[in-house]
Amino acid sequence: MKKLTHSNLFSSCCLALVLILVHADLSLAVDDNSQTTVTTEAQNKAETDMMARCQAMMTEKQKIRAEIKAQDAELKAQVTKMNSASQDEKLDLLAAVVTQMVEQRIAMQDRKARMEEQMMPHMMQHMKMGMGSMSHCPMMGDMDKKSEDAP
């Protein structure tokens, strides 16, 4: 049997310590990779959810635009009717047109205020996700178009 000396004992302990550290490091690497995978999956889900919210907001905005267009067409028809009406009917038709315009304006201002309230948290969420997130938002693309159309 071999006699253990201090140097042999020291070498054996160092080797054992190295093996333990290598094993622990490999375990940590596996944990880090699984944590990274979980984090990436969570980020992908958050991005997907965010894009769904972006699309829902854009759909609502398009719906509002279509309603405004329909309201404008209805008002135009009422004004045409008013302009071709007799003097006796004009005042009543004018009152109806003005009343409808006021009602539409009040309703639209309310919808606009609600949408603006939703927009700020929406933008903040994009900022939390990183500026790259904002470039994929259809609402932001719509803002770019609006600034290009401005005089």
N, C-alpha and C. Protein backbone atom coordinates (compact mmCIF):
# COMPACT_ATOMS: atom_id res chain seq x y z
N MET A 1 0.82 -1.17 0.00
CA MET A 1 0.00 0.00 0.00
C MET A 1 0.87 1.24 0.00
N LYS A 2 0.39 2.23 -0.71
CA LYS A 2 1.14 3.45 -0.84
C LYS A 2 0.94 4.29 0.40
N LYS A 3 1.99 4.91 0.83
CA LYS A 3 1.94 5.76 2.00
C LYS A 3 1.53 7.16 1.56
N LEU A 4 0.53 7.73 2.25
CA LEU A 4 0.08 9.08 1.93
C LEU A 4 1.00 10.08 2.60
N THR A 5 1.53 10.91 1.79
CA THR A 5 2.36 11.99 2.32
C THR A 5 1.54 13.26 2.21
N HIS A 6 2.06 14.30 2.80
CA HIS A 6 1.36 15.59 2.74
C HIS A 6 1.20 16.06 1.30
N SER A 7 2.20 15.87 0.50
CA SER A 7 2.11 16.33 -0.90
C SER A 7 1.11 15.49 -1.68
N ASN A 8 1.09 14.16 -1.41
CA ASN A 8 0.09 13.31 -2.08
C ASN A 8 -1.32 13.67 -1.62
N LEU A 9 -1.48 13.90 -0.34
CA LEU A 9 -2.78 14.26 0.21
C LEU A 9 -3.24 15.60 -0.36
N PHE A 10 -2.32 16.55 -0.44
CA PHE A 10 -2.62 17.87 -0.99
C PHE A 10 -3.03 17.75 -2.46
N SER A 11 -2.30 16.96 -3.24
CA SER A 11 -2.61 16.75 -4.65
C SER A 11 -3.97 16.10 -4.81
N SER A 12 -4.27 15.11 -3.99
CA SER A 12 -5.56 14.43 -4.06
C SER A 12 -6.70 15.38 -3.72
N CYS A 13 -6.49 16.20 -2.71
CA CYS A 13 -7.52 17.17 -2.32
C CYS A 13 -7.74 18.20 -3.43
N CYS A 14 -6.65 18.67 -4.05
CA CYS A 14 -6.77 19.63 -5.14
C CYS A 14 -7.53 19.01 -6.31
N LEU A 15 -7.19 17.78 -6.64
CA LEU A 15 -7.88 17.10 -7.74
C LEU A 15 -9.37 16.94 -7.43
N ALA A 16 -9.67 16.55 -6.21
CA ALA A 16 -11.07 16.40 -5.81
C ALA A 16 -11.80 17.74 -5.88
N LEU A 17 -11.12 18.80 -5.41
CA LEU A 17 -11.71 20.13 -5.45
C LEU A 17 -11.96 20.59 -6.89
N VAL A 18 -11.02 20.34 -7.79
CA VAL A 18 -11.17 20.70 -9.20
C VAL A 18 -12.36 19.94 -9.80
N LEU A 19 -12.46 18.65 -9.50
CA LEU A 19 -13.58 17.86 -10.02
C LEU A 19 -14.92 18.39 -9.51
N ILE A 20 -14.96 18.74 -8.23
CA ILE A 20 -16.19 19.30 -7.65
C ILE A 20 -16.56 20.61 -8.33
N LEU A 21 -15.56 21.48 -8.52
CA LEU A 21 -15.82 22.79 -9.14
C LEU A 21 -16.26 22.63 -10.60
N VAL A 22 -15.63 21.73 -11.33
CA VAL A 22 -16.00 21.51 -12.73
C VAL A 22 -17.43 20.99 -12.79
N HIS A 23 -17.76 20.05 -11.92
CA HIS A 23 -19.12 19.51 -11.89
C HIS A 23 -20.13 20.61 -11.52
N ALA A 24 -19.80 21.41 -10.53
CA ALA A 24 -20.70 22.50 -10.12
C ALA A 24 -20.86 23.52 -11.24
N ASP A 25 -19.77 23.83 -11.92
CA ASP A 25 -19.82 24.80 -13.02
C ASP A 25 -20.70 24.28 -14.16
N LEU A 26 -20.59 22.98 -14.46
CA LEU A 26 -21.44 22.40 -15.50
C LEU A 26 -22.91 22.43 -15.08
N SER A 27 -23.18 22.18 -13.80
CA SER A 27 -24.55 22.24 -13.30
C SER A 27 -25.10 23.65 -13.43
N LEU A 28 -24.28 24.63 -13.08
CA LEU A 28 -24.70 26.03 -13.18
C LEU A 28 -24.95 26.42 -14.64
N ALA A 29 -24.11 25.91 -15.53
CA ALA A 29 -24.28 26.23 -16.95
C ALA A 29 -25.61 25.68 -17.45
N VAL A 30 -25.95 24.47 -17.01
CA VAL A 30 -27.24 23.89 -17.40
C VAL A 30 -28.37 24.74 -16.84
N ASP A 31 -28.27 25.15 -15.56
CA ASP A 31 -29.30 26.00 -14.95
C ASP A 31 -29.40 27.33 -15.67
N ASP A 32 -28.24 27.92 -16.03
CA ASP A 32 -28.25 29.21 -16.73
C ASP A 32 -28.93 29.07 -18.09
N ASN A 33 -28.63 27.98 -18.79
CA ASN A 33 -29.26 27.77 -20.10
C ASN A 33 -30.76 27.59 -19.98
N SER A 34 -31.20 26.82 -18.98
CA SER A 34 -32.64 26.63 -18.82
C SER A 34 -33.29 27.93 -18.37
N GLN A 35 -32.61 28.71 -17.55
CA GLN A 35 -33.14 30.01 -17.12
C GLN A 35 -33.23 30.95 -18.32
N THR A 36 -32.20 30.94 -19.18
CA THR A 36 -32.20 31.77 -20.38
C THR A 36 -33.36 31.37 -21.28
N THR A 37 -33.60 30.07 -21.42
CA THR A 37 -34.70 29.58 -22.25
C THR A 37 -36.03 30.05 -21.69
N VAL A 38 -36.19 29.95 -20.36
CA VAL A 38 -37.43 30.40 -19.73
C VAL A 38 -37.61 31.90 -19.93
N THR A 39 -36.51 32.65 -19.74
CA THR A 39 -36.57 34.10 -19.91
C THR A 39 -36.91 34.45 -21.35
N THR A 40 -36.28 33.79 -22.31
CA THR A 40 -36.54 34.06 -23.72
C THR A 40 -38.00 33.73 -24.05
N GLU A 41 -38.50 32.62 -23.54
CA GLU A 41 -39.89 32.25 -23.80
C GLU A 41 -40.84 33.29 -23.20
N ALA A 42 -40.52 33.76 -22.00
CA ALA A 42 -41.35 34.78 -21.36
C ALA A 42 -41.30 36.08 -22.15
N GLN A 43 -40.12 36.44 -22.65
CA GLN A 43 -40.00 37.66 -23.45
C GLN A 43 -40.78 37.52 -24.76
N ASN A 44 -40.69 36.36 -25.39
CA ASN A 44 -41.42 36.13 -26.64
C ASN A 44 -42.93 36.22 -26.41
N LYS A 45 -43.40 35.65 -25.29
CA LYS A 45 -44.83 35.72 -24.97
C LYS A 45 -45.23 37.17 -24.71
N ALA A 46 -44.39 37.92 -23.97
CA ALA A 46 -44.70 39.32 -23.68
C ALA A 46 -44.75 40.13 -24.97
N GLU A 47 -43.82 39.87 -25.88
CA GLU A 47 -43.82 40.58 -27.17
C GLU A 47 -45.05 40.22 -28.00
N THR A 48 -45.41 38.95 -28.00
CA THR A 48 -46.60 38.51 -28.74
C THR A 48 -47.85 39.16 -28.16
N ASP A 49 -47.95 39.16 -26.82
CA ASP A 49 -49.10 39.79 -26.17
C ASP A 49 -49.14 41.29 -26.48
N MET A 50 -47.98 41.92 -26.46
CA MET A 50 -47.91 43.36 -26.73
C MET A 50 -48.34 43.65 -28.16
N MET A 51 -47.89 42.86 -29.10
CA MET A 51 -48.27 43.08 -30.49
C MET A 51 -49.77 42.87 -30.68
N ALA A 52 -50.35 41.93 -29.92
CA ALA A 52 -51.80 41.73 -29.99
C ALA A 52 -52.53 42.97 -29.48
N ARG A 53 -52.01 43.57 -28.40
CA ARG A 53 -52.61 44.81 -27.88
C ARG A 53 -52.43 45.95 -28.88
N CYS A 54 -51.25 46.01 -29.52
CA CYS A 54 -51.01 47.03 -30.54
C CYS A 54 -52.02 46.89 -31.67
N GLN A 55 -52.21 45.68 -32.12
CA GLN A 55 -53.13 45.43 -33.23
C GLN A 55 -54.56 45.76 -32.83
N ALA A 56 -54.94 45.43 -31.58
CA ALA A 56 -56.29 45.74 -31.11
C ALA A 56 -56.52 47.25 -31.08
N MET A 57 -55.51 48.00 -30.65
CA MET A 57 -55.63 49.46 -30.63
C MET A 57 -55.74 50.00 -32.05
N MET A 58 -54.96 49.45 -32.95
CA MET A 58 -54.99 49.91 -34.34
C MET A 58 -56.34 49.59 -34.97
N THR A 59 -56.89 48.44 -34.68
CA THR A 59 -58.20 48.06 -35.19
C THR A 59 -59.26 49.02 -34.67
N GLU A 60 -59.18 49.37 -33.40
CA GLU A 60 -60.12 50.33 -32.82
C GLU A 60 -59.99 51.70 -33.50
N LYS A 61 -58.77 52.11 -33.76
CA LYS A 61 -58.55 53.39 -34.43
C LYS A 61 -59.14 53.37 -35.85
N GLN A 62 -58.95 52.28 -36.56
CA GLN A 62 -59.51 52.16 -37.91
C GLN A 62 -61.04 52.14 -37.87
N LYS A 63 -61.59 51.51 -36.85
CA LYS A 63 -63.04 51.47 -36.68
C LYS A 63 -63.58 52.89 -36.46
N ILE A 64 -62.88 53.67 -35.64
CA ILE A 64 -63.27 55.06 -35.39
C ILE A 64 -63.23 55.86 -36.68
N ARG A 65 -62.16 55.69 -37.45
CA ARG A 65 -62.04 56.41 -38.73
C ARG A 65 -63.21 56.07 -39.67
N ALA A 66 -63.58 54.80 -39.73
CA ALA A 66 -64.69 54.38 -40.60
C ALA A 66 -66.00 54.99 -40.10
N GLU A 67 -66.19 55.04 -38.79
CA GLU A 67 -67.41 55.64 -38.24
C GLU A 67 -67.46 57.14 -38.55
N ILE A 68 -66.33 57.82 -38.45
CA ILE A 68 -66.28 59.24 -38.77
C ILE A 68 -66.65 59.46 -40.23
N LYS A 69 -66.10 58.62 -41.10
CA LYS A 69 -66.39 58.74 -42.53
C LYS A 69 -67.88 58.55 -42.79
N ALA A 70 -68.50 57.57 -42.13
CA ALA A 70 -69.93 57.32 -42.29
C ALA A 70 -70.75 58.51 -41.74
N GLN A 71 -70.32 59.05 -40.61
CA GLN A 71 -71.01 60.20 -40.04
C GLN A 71 -70.90 61.42 -40.96
N ASP A 72 -69.73 61.62 -41.55
CA ASP A 72 -69.55 62.73 -42.48
C ASP A 72 -70.47 62.59 -43.69
N ALA A 73 -70.58 61.37 -44.20
CA ALA A 73 -71.46 61.13 -45.35
C ALA A 73 -72.91 61.41 -44.98
N GLU A 74 -73.32 60.99 -43.79
CA GLU A 74 -74.68 61.23 -43.32
C GLU A 74 -74.94 62.74 -43.16
N LEU A 75 -73.99 63.44 -42.58
CA LEU A 75 -74.14 64.90 -42.43
C LEU A 75 -74.21 65.59 -43.79
N LYS A 76 -73.38 65.14 -44.71
CA LYS A 76 -73.38 65.73 -46.06
C LYS A 76 -74.75 65.55 -46.71
N ALA A 77 -75.33 64.36 -46.54
CA ALA A 77 -76.66 64.10 -47.10
C ALA A 77 -77.71 65.00 -46.44
N GLN A 78 -77.61 65.18 -45.13
CA GLN A 78 -78.56 66.03 -44.42
C GLN A 78 -78.43 67.49 -44.86
N VAL A 79 -77.21 67.95 -45.06
CA VAL A 79 -76.98 69.33 -45.50
C VAL A 79 -77.51 69.51 -46.91
N THR A 80 -77.30 68.53 -47.78
CA THR A 80 -77.83 68.60 -49.14
C THR A 80 -79.36 68.69 -49.10
N LYS A 81 -79.96 67.87 -48.26
CA LYS A 81 -81.43 67.89 -48.09
C LYS A 81 -81.87 69.26 -47.57
N MET A 82 -81.13 69.78 -46.59
CA MET A 82 -81.47 71.07 -46.01
C MET A 82 -81.37 72.18 -47.06
N ASN A 83 -80.31 72.15 -47.84
CA ASN A 83 -80.12 73.20 -48.84
C ASN A 83 -81.20 73.19 -49.93
N SER A 84 -81.74 72.05 -50.21
CA SER A 84 -82.78 71.96 -51.26
C SER A 84 -84.19 72.06 -50.68
N ALA A 85 -84.30 72.19 -49.37
CA ALA A 85 -85.63 72.27 -48.73
C ALA A 85 -86.22 73.67 -48.87
N SER A 86 -87.49 73.72 -48.62
CA SER A 86 -88.18 75.02 -48.65
C SER A 86 -87.77 75.84 -47.43
N GLN A 87 -88.03 77.12 -47.49
CA GLN A 87 -87.68 78.03 -46.38
C GLN A 87 -88.32 77.58 -45.08
N ASP A 88 -89.53 77.09 -45.13
CA ASP A 88 -90.23 76.66 -43.91
C ASP A 88 -89.54 75.45 -43.25
N GLU A 89 -88.96 74.57 -44.03
CA GLU A 89 -88.32 73.35 -43.51
C GLU A 89 -86.85 73.57 -43.13
N LYS A 90 -86.23 74.58 -43.70
CA LYS A 90 -84.77 74.76 -43.52
C LYS A 90 -84.37 74.92 -42.06
N LEU A 91 -85.12 75.70 -41.29
CA LEU A 91 -84.74 75.96 -39.90
C LEU A 91 -84.75 74.66 -39.09
N ASP A 92 -85.77 73.83 -39.28
CA ASP A 92 -85.85 72.55 -38.56
C ASP A 92 -84.71 71.62 -38.99
N LEU A 93 -84.44 71.59 -40.28
CA LEU A 93 -83.36 70.73 -40.78
C LEU A 93 -81.99 71.23 -40.28
N LEU A 94 -81.84 72.54 -40.25
CA LEU A 94 -80.58 73.12 -39.73
C LEU A 94 -80.39 72.74 -38.27
N ALA A 95 -81.45 72.85 -37.49
CA ALA A 95 -81.38 72.49 -36.07
C ALA A 95 -81.02 71.01 -35.91
N ALA A 96 -81.56 70.16 -36.77
CA ALA A 96 -81.26 68.72 -36.71
C ALA A 96 -79.79 68.46 -37.04
N VAL A 97 -79.26 69.15 -38.05
CA VAL A 97 -77.87 68.98 -38.44
C VAL A 97 -76.94 69.44 -37.31
N VAL A 98 -77.22 70.61 -36.75
CA VAL A 98 -76.37 71.14 -35.67
C VAL A 98 -76.43 70.22 -34.45
N THR A 99 -77.61 69.75 -34.10
CA THR A 99 -77.77 68.85 -32.95
C THR A 99 -76.96 67.57 -33.17
N GLN A 100 -77.06 67.01 -34.36
CA GLN A 100 -76.31 65.78 -34.64
C GLN A 100 -74.81 66.03 -34.59
N MET A 101 -74.35 67.15 -35.12
CA MET A 101 -72.92 67.47 -35.09
C MET A 101 -72.41 67.60 -33.65
N VAL A 102 -73.20 68.25 -32.80
CA VAL A 102 -72.80 68.42 -31.40
C VAL A 102 -72.74 67.06 -30.70
N GLU A 103 -73.74 66.22 -30.93
CA GLU A 103 -73.75 64.88 -30.32
C GLU A 103 -72.55 64.06 -30.77
N GLN A 104 -72.25 64.13 -32.07
CA GLN A 104 -71.11 63.38 -32.59
C GLN A 104 -69.80 63.90 -32.01
N ARG A 105 -69.68 65.20 -31.90
CA ARG A 105 -68.45 65.79 -31.37
C ARG A 105 -68.24 65.37 -29.91
N ILE A 106 -69.29 65.43 -29.11
CA ILE A 106 -69.18 65.04 -27.70
C ILE A 106 -68.77 63.57 -27.59
N ALA A 107 -69.43 62.71 -28.38
CA ALA A 107 -69.10 61.27 -28.34
C ALA A 107 -67.67 61.03 -28.80
N MET A 108 -67.23 61.74 -29.85
CA MET A 108 -65.88 61.54 -30.37
C MET A 108 -64.82 62.03 -29.39
N GLN A 109 -65.09 63.14 -28.73
CA GLN A 109 -64.13 63.65 -27.73
C GLN A 109 -63.97 62.65 -26.60
N ASP A 110 -65.07 62.02 -26.20
CA ASP A 110 -65.02 61.01 -25.14
C ASP A 110 -64.19 59.81 -25.59
N ARG A 111 -64.41 59.33 -26.79
CA ARG A 111 -63.64 58.20 -27.32
C ARG A 111 -62.16 58.55 -27.45
N LYS A 112 -61.90 59.76 -27.90
CA LYS A 112 -60.51 60.22 -28.06
C LYS A 112 -59.81 60.25 -26.70
N ALA A 113 -60.49 60.77 -25.69
CA ALA A 113 -59.91 60.83 -24.35
C ALA A 113 -59.61 59.43 -23.81
N ARG A 114 -60.55 58.49 -24.02
CA ARG A 114 -60.31 57.12 -23.56
C ARG A 114 -59.14 56.48 -24.29
N MET A 115 -59.02 56.74 -25.58
CA MET A 115 -57.92 56.16 -26.35
C MET A 115 -56.58 56.77 -25.91
N GLU A 116 -56.57 58.06 -25.64
CA GLU A 116 -55.34 58.70 -25.17
C GLU A 116 -54.93 58.15 -23.81
N GLU A 117 -55.91 57.86 -22.94
CA GLU A 117 -55.61 57.25 -21.64
C GLU A 117 -54.97 55.88 -21.81
N GLN A 118 -55.39 55.13 -22.81
CA GLN A 118 -54.82 53.81 -23.08
C GLN A 118 -53.45 53.92 -23.72
N MET A 119 -53.22 54.99 -24.46
CA MET A 119 -51.99 55.13 -25.24
C MET A 119 -50.76 55.33 -24.35
N MET A 120 -50.88 56.10 -23.28
CA MET A 120 -49.72 56.36 -22.42
C MET A 120 -49.19 55.07 -21.78
N PRO A 121 -50.04 54.26 -21.13
CA PRO A 121 -49.51 52.99 -20.59
C PRO A 121 -48.97 52.08 -21.70
N HIS A 122 -49.61 52.15 -22.86
CA HIS A 122 -49.16 51.34 -24.00
C HIS A 122 -47.72 51.73 -24.38
N MET A 123 -47.48 53.02 -24.48
CA MET A 123 -46.14 53.52 -24.82
C MET A 123 -45.13 53.15 -23.72
N MET A 124 -45.54 53.27 -22.47
CA MET A 124 -44.65 52.92 -21.35
C MET A 124 -44.28 51.44 -21.42
N GLN A 125 -45.23 50.60 -21.76
CA GLN A 125 -44.94 49.17 -21.88
C GLN A 125 -43.92 48.93 -23.00
N HIS A 126 -44.07 49.63 -24.11
CA HIS A 126 -43.08 49.51 -25.18
C HIS A 126 -41.70 49.95 -24.68
N MET A 127 -41.65 51.03 -23.93
CA MET A 127 -40.37 51.53 -23.43
C MET A 127 -39.72 50.52 -22.49
N LYS A 128 -40.52 49.85 -21.67
CA LYS A 128 -39.98 48.82 -20.77
C LYS A 128 -39.40 47.65 -21.57
N MET A 129 -40.03 47.36 -22.72
CA MET A 129 -39.58 46.24 -23.54
C MET A 129 -38.39 46.61 -24.42
N GLY A 130 -38.08 47.90 -24.50
CA GLY A 130 -36.96 48.35 -25.32
C GLY A 130 -37.47 49.12 -26.52
N MET A 131 -36.67 50.03 -26.99
CA MET A 131 -37.09 50.91 -28.07
C MET A 131 -37.39 50.15 -29.36
N GLY A 132 -36.76 49.00 -29.56
CA GLY A 132 -37.02 48.19 -30.73
C GLY A 132 -38.47 47.72 -30.79
N SER A 133 -39.06 47.55 -29.61
CA SER A 133 -40.46 47.12 -29.53
C SER A 133 -41.38 48.16 -30.15
N MET A 134 -41.05 49.41 -29.96
CA MET A 134 -41.90 50.49 -30.45
C MET A 134 -41.93 50.54 -31.98
N SER A 135 -40.83 50.17 -32.61
CA SER A 135 -40.77 50.25 -34.07
C SER A 135 -41.68 49.23 -34.75
N HIS A 136 -42.09 48.20 -34.01
CA HIS A 136 -42.98 47.18 -34.57
C HIS A 136 -44.45 47.48 -34.31
N CYS A 137 -44.72 48.53 -33.57
CA CYS A 137 -46.09 48.86 -33.20
C CYS A 137 -46.81 49.53 -34.37
N PRO A 138 -47.96 49.00 -34.81
CA PRO A 138 -48.67 49.64 -35.90
C PRO A 138 -49.15 51.05 -35.56
N MET A 139 -49.35 51.32 -34.28
CA MET A 139 -49.76 52.67 -33.87
C MET A 139 -48.64 53.67 -34.14
N MET A 140 -47.40 53.24 -33.95
CA MET A 140 -46.26 54.13 -34.20
C MET A 140 -46.08 54.36 -35.69
N GLY A 141 -46.29 53.34 -36.50
CA GLY A 141 -46.20 53.49 -37.94
C GLY A 141 -47.24 54.47 -38.43
N ASP A 142 -48.40 54.43 -37.81
CA ASP A 142 -49.47 55.35 -38.15
C ASP A 142 -49.09 56.78 -37.77
N MET A 143 -48.37 56.94 -36.66
CA MET A 143 -47.91 58.27 -36.24
C MET A 143 -46.90 58.83 -37.25
N ASP A 144 -46.02 57.96 -37.77
CA ASP A 144 -45.04 58.40 -38.76
C ASP A 144 -45.75 58.89 -40.01
N LYS A 145 -46.78 58.18 -40.45
CA LYS A 145 -47.53 58.59 -41.64
C LYS A 145 -48.19 59.95 -41.41
N LYS A 146 -48.71 60.12 -40.19
CA LYS A 146 -49.40 61.36 -39.86
C LYS A 146 -48.43 62.55 -39.92
N SER A 147 -47.19 62.36 -39.40
CA SER A 147 -46.23 63.45 -39.42
C SER A 147 -45.77 63.77 -40.84
N GLU A 148 -45.74 62.77 -41.71
CA GLU A 148 -45.37 63.00 -43.11
C GLU A 148 -46.46 63.77 -43.85
N ASP A 149 -47.72 63.52 -43.46
CA ASP A 149 -48.85 64.17 -44.10
C ASP A 149 -49.04 65.61 -43.63
N ALA A 150 -48.44 65.95 -42.49
CA ALA A 150 -48.63 67.30 -41.93
C ALA A 150 -47.95 68.34 -42.83
N PRO A 151 -48.54 69.56 -42.90
CA PRO A 151 -47.94 70.60 -43.77
C PRO A 151 -46.64 71.12 -43.23
